[in-house]
Amino acid sequence: MKHISITTRLAALLIIGIGLTMNSQAAIILVPQEQPTIAAGISAAKPGDTVAVSSGTYNEHNILVTNGITVTSINGPTNTIIDSQHAGKGFIVSPPALASVRIVGFTIQNGQMPDYDGGGAVFVTSGNCVISKCIIQGVSGPADYTYGPINNNNAAANVLVDTCIVRNNFAANGAGIMGCNVRNCWIYNNTQGNNCAALWVCNAT
């Protein structure tokens, strides 16, 4: 059994302060102390749980989120990096229609999108999703039929991008944020192959 320091446990407990309403059965799953990867932590999580990720670089891609959970860093985006190494997307979010997912405090970088696809950093296909305090960078894809690095691919889904930086990405169309509610974000130095737009079909403040 791995030893988990009191400092790490207390830091993870403080994550609850991000505003998620917890019930008595909800758990905090620590990565890598209890699960070796972010994907493994998410697979072990049940609805309402929090996956709390310690500082480091995690070379993971196509991280599938199918429950209403929170995935958060403990020490913020400059210290907690998900590097997809152009092997696939960052997160693929597909919970039940009424479930809510929170992704908080990561740098998500070097995602890769195939033709006729988008969401190289976060791709939402169902449910509700909040992406908060993240840095999205280095996402790329073919120059003809790819779409924004943060992409809400379902008009019925409600996606909020809050207090994020989206920079230095490439897509054929809209290399910023697509189909989302956007609040307090910086979007810059992104390039497009066809249709330029920092925000594409978004409601922004």
Protein backbone atom coordinates (compact mmCIF):
# COMPACT_ATOMS: atom_id res chain seq x y z
CA MET A 1 0.00 0.00 0.00
CA LYS A 2 1.39 3.41 -0.97
CA HIS A 3 2.01 5.95 1.78
CA ILE A 4 0.16 9.22 1.15
CA SER A 5 1.47 12.24 3.03
CA ILE A 6 -0.81 14.34 5.19
CA THR A 7 0.15 17.38 3.09
CA THR A 8 -0.97 15.71 -0.12
CA ARG A 9 -4.20 14.52 1.44
CA LEU A 10 -4.98 17.96 2.88
CA ALA A 11 -4.22 19.62 -0.45
CA ALA A 12 -6.61 17.25 -2.17
CA LEU A 13 -9.28 17.92 0.44
CA LEU A 14 -8.98 21.65 -0.26
CA ILE A 15 -9.96 20.91 -3.86
CA ILE A 16 -13.49 20.40 -2.60
CA GLY A 17 -13.61 24.19 -2.24
CA ILE A 18 -13.94 24.57 -6.02
CA GLY A 19 -17.70 24.47 -5.53
CA LEU A 20 -18.68 20.88 -6.22
CA THR A 21 -21.55 19.72 -4.01
CA MET A 22 -20.34 16.51 -2.44
CA ASN A 23 -22.44 13.74 -0.91
CA SER A 24 -21.44 11.44 1.92
CA GLN A 25 -20.40 8.66 -0.47
CA ALA A 26 -18.19 10.84 -2.70
CA ALA A 27 -14.50 9.96 -2.79
CA ILE A 28 -11.27 11.77 -3.62
CA ILE A 29 -8.99 9.66 -5.82
CA LEU A 30 -5.36 10.79 -5.83
CA VAL A 31 -3.15 10.52 -8.93
CA PRO A 32 -0.51 9.11 -8.95
CA GLN A 33 -0.59 8.14 -5.26
CA GLU A 34 -3.67 5.89 -5.52
CA GLN A 35 -4.06 5.47 -9.29
CA PRO A 36 -1.03 5.65 -11.61
CA THR A 37 -2.59 7.72 -14.40
CA ILE A 38 -5.35 10.27 -14.86
CA ALA A 39 -7.26 7.81 -17.06
CA ALA A 40 -7.01 5.14 -14.35
CA GLY A 41 -8.25 7.58 -11.72
CA ILE A 42 -11.23 8.50 -13.87
CA SER A 43 -12.02 4.84 -14.53
CA ALA A 44 -12.06 4.22 -10.78
CA ALA A 45 -14.29 7.23 -10.07
CA LYS A 46 -18.02 7.05 -9.50
CA PRO A 47 -20.51 9.89 -10.09
CA GLY A 48 -19.80 12.74 -7.67
CA ASP A 49 -16.18 11.73 -7.04
CA THR A 50 -13.14 13.97 -7.48
CA VAL A 51 -9.94 12.87 -9.21
CA ALA A 52 -7.19 15.07 -7.74
CA VAL A 53 -3.93 15.11 -9.74
CA SER A 54 -0.54 15.98 -8.26
CA SER A 55 2.07 18.06 -10.06
CA GLY A 56 3.86 16.50 -13.03
CA THR A 57 3.64 15.84 -16.75
CA TYR A 58 1.22 13.09 -17.77
CA ASN A 59 1.70 11.72 -21.28
CA GLU A 60 -1.90 10.64 -21.85
CA HIS A 61 -4.41 11.04 -24.68
CA ASN A 62 -8.08 10.29 -25.38
CA ILE A 63 -8.89 10.44 -21.67
CA LEU A 64 -12.53 9.34 -21.56
CA VAL A 65 -14.88 10.84 -18.95
CA THR A 66 -18.26 9.07 -18.84
CA ASN A 67 -19.50 9.98 -15.31
CA GLY A 68 -20.38 13.25 -13.64
CA ILE A 69 -17.09 13.79 -11.81
CA THR A 70 -14.50 16.49 -11.16
CA VAL A 71 -10.97 16.12 -12.53
CA THR A 72 -8.70 18.73 -10.99
CA SER A 73 -5.06 19.50 -10.42
CA ILE A 74 -3.87 20.13 -6.90
CA ASN A 75 -1.25 22.76 -7.79
CA GLY A 76 -2.56 24.48 -10.90
CA PRO A 77 -1.95 24.42 -14.66
CA THR A 78 1.68 25.52 -14.70
CA ASN A 79 2.56 22.55 -12.50
CA THR A 80 0.20 19.91 -13.92
CA ILE A 81 0.52 19.15 -17.63
CA ILE A 82 -1.35 16.68 -19.81
CA ASP A 83 0.77 16.18 -22.92
CA SER A 84 -0.99 14.13 -25.61
CA GLN A 85 2.20 14.07 -27.74
CA HIS A 86 0.08 14.40 -30.91
CA ALA A 87 -1.13 10.82 -30.41
CA GLY A 88 -4.78 11.82 -29.90
CA LYS A 89 -7.03 14.27 -28.07
CA GLY A 90 -6.81 15.35 -24.46
CA PHE A 91 -10.22 14.75 -22.84
CA ILE A 92 -13.29 13.18 -24.45
CA VAL A 93 -16.31 14.04 -22.30
CA SER A 94 -19.41 11.88 -22.80
CA PRO A 95 -21.42 11.49 -19.57
CA PRO A 96 -25.20 10.97 -19.37
CA ALA A 97 -27.25 13.91 -20.60
CA LEU A 98 -27.95 15.40 -17.16
CA ALA A 99 -24.52 14.73 -15.64
CA SER A 100 -21.93 17.44 -15.05
CA VAL A 101 -18.16 17.17 -15.51
CA ARG A 102 -15.58 19.65 -14.23
CA ILE A 103 -12.02 19.88 -15.59
CA VAL A 104 -9.99 22.31 -13.50
CA GLY A 105 -6.42 23.56 -13.43
CA PHE A 106 -4.46 21.75 -16.16
CA THR A 107 -2.23 22.62 -19.06
CA ILE A 108 -3.59 20.45 -21.88
CA GLN A 109 -1.20 20.43 -24.80
CA ASN A 110 -0.15 18.79 -28.06
CA GLY A 111 -3.50 17.23 -28.85
CA GLN A 112 -4.05 15.91 -32.37
CA MET A 113 -7.28 16.02 -34.35
CA PRO A 114 -8.07 13.79 -37.35
CA ASP A 115 -9.87 15.05 -40.47
CA TYR A 116 -13.50 16.13 -39.99
CA ASP A 117 -13.04 16.36 -36.23
CA GLY A 118 -12.30 18.84 -33.47
CA GLY A 119 -11.74 19.14 -29.75
CA GLY A 120 -8.04 18.31 -29.69
CA ALA A 121 -7.86 19.43 -26.05
CA VAL A 122 -11.44 18.85 -24.82
CA PHE A 123 -14.14 17.24 -26.95
CA VAL A 124 -17.64 17.22 -25.43
CA THR A 125 -20.22 14.88 -26.93
CA SER A 126 -22.90 14.87 -24.20
CA GLY A 127 -23.79 16.12 -20.74
CA ASN A 128 -22.62 19.35 -19.16
CA CYS A 129 -19.00 20.40 -18.76
CA VAL A 130 -17.09 23.20 -17.05
CA ILE A 131 -13.48 23.76 -18.16
CA SER A 132 -11.86 26.14 -15.70
CA LYS A 133 -8.41 27.63 -15.06
CA CYS A 134 -6.79 25.62 -17.86
CA ILE A 135 -4.13 26.44 -20.46
CA ILE A 136 -4.81 24.96 -23.90
CA GLN A 137 -1.86 24.98 -26.29
CA GLY A 138 -0.08 23.17 -29.09
CA VAL A 139 -3.20 21.47 -30.52
CA SER A 140 -3.01 20.73 -34.25
CA GLY A 141 -4.64 18.81 -37.07
CA PRO A 142 -4.94 18.64 -40.86
CA ALA A 143 -5.42 21.97 -42.64
CA ASP A 144 -8.75 21.22 -44.35
CA TYR A 145 -11.52 19.91 -42.07
CA THR A 146 -10.56 20.26 -38.42
CA TYR A 147 -12.17 22.40 -35.71
CA GLY A 148 -11.40 24.21 -32.47
CA PRO A 149 -9.28 22.69 -29.69
CA ILE A 150 -12.21 23.09 -27.26
CA ASN A 151 -15.27 21.81 -29.06
CA ASN A 152 -18.84 21.27 -27.91
CA ASN A 153 -19.99 18.72 -30.47
CA ASN A 154 -23.58 18.48 -29.20
CA ALA A 155 -26.01 21.39 -29.30
CA ALA A 156 -27.85 19.86 -26.34
CA ALA A 157 -24.72 19.91 -24.16
CA ASN A 158 -23.95 22.93 -21.99
CA VAL A 159 -20.24 23.75 -21.92
CA LEU A 160 -18.68 26.64 -19.98
CA VAL A 161 -15.05 27.66 -20.54
CA ASP A 162 -14.07 29.88 -17.63
CA THR A 163 -10.81 31.73 -16.91
CA CYS A 164 -8.75 29.78 -19.45
CA ILE A 165 -5.88 30.61 -21.82
CA VAL A 166 -6.18 29.22 -25.37
CA ARG A 167 -3.01 29.89 -27.36
CA ASN A 168 -0.68 28.64 -30.08
CA ASN A 169 -3.11 26.13 -31.58
CA PHE A 170 -3.88 25.27 -35.21
CA ALA A 171 -7.08 24.06 -36.86
CA ALA A 172 -8.66 24.45 -40.28
CA ASN A 173 -11.66 26.28 -38.83
CA GLY A 174 -11.97 28.22 -35.60
CA ALA A 175 -8.76 27.38 -33.79
CA GLY A 176 -10.07 28.72 -30.48
CA ILE A 177 -13.32 27.71 -28.78
CA MET A 178 -16.40 26.30 -30.52
CA GLY A 179 -20.02 26.02 -29.38
CA CYS A 180 -19.44 27.02 -25.75
CA ASN A 181 -20.25 29.66 -23.19
CA VAL A 182 -17.04 31.58 -22.60
CA ARG A 183 -16.14 33.76 -19.62
CA ASN A 184 -12.96 35.63 -18.74
CA CYS A 185 -10.67 33.87 -21.23
CA TRP A 186 -7.57 34.92 -23.17
CA ILE A 187 -7.46 33.56 -26.73
CA TYR A 188 -4.43 34.48 -28.83
CA ASN A 189 -1.76 33.36 -31.33
CA ASN A 190 -3.99 30.66 -32.81
CA THR A 191 -3.94 30.06 -36.58
CA GLN A 192 -6.52 28.67 -38.98
CA GLY A 193 -6.21 27.06 -42.38
CA ASN A 194 -9.62 28.14 -43.76
CA ASN A 195 -12.00 30.12 -41.55
CA CYS A 196 -10.52 32.32 -38.87
CA ALA A 197 -12.37 32.67 -35.59
CA ALA A 198 -11.23 32.86 -31.99
CA LEU A 199 -14.81 32.11 -30.94
CA TRP A 200 -17.14 30.09 -33.17
CA VAL A 201 -20.87 29.94 -32.26
CA CYS A 202 -20.12 30.97 -28.67
CA ASN A 203 -21.72 33.18 -26.07
CA ALA A 204 -18.88 35.14 -24.53
CA THR A 205 -18.29 37.55 -21.66
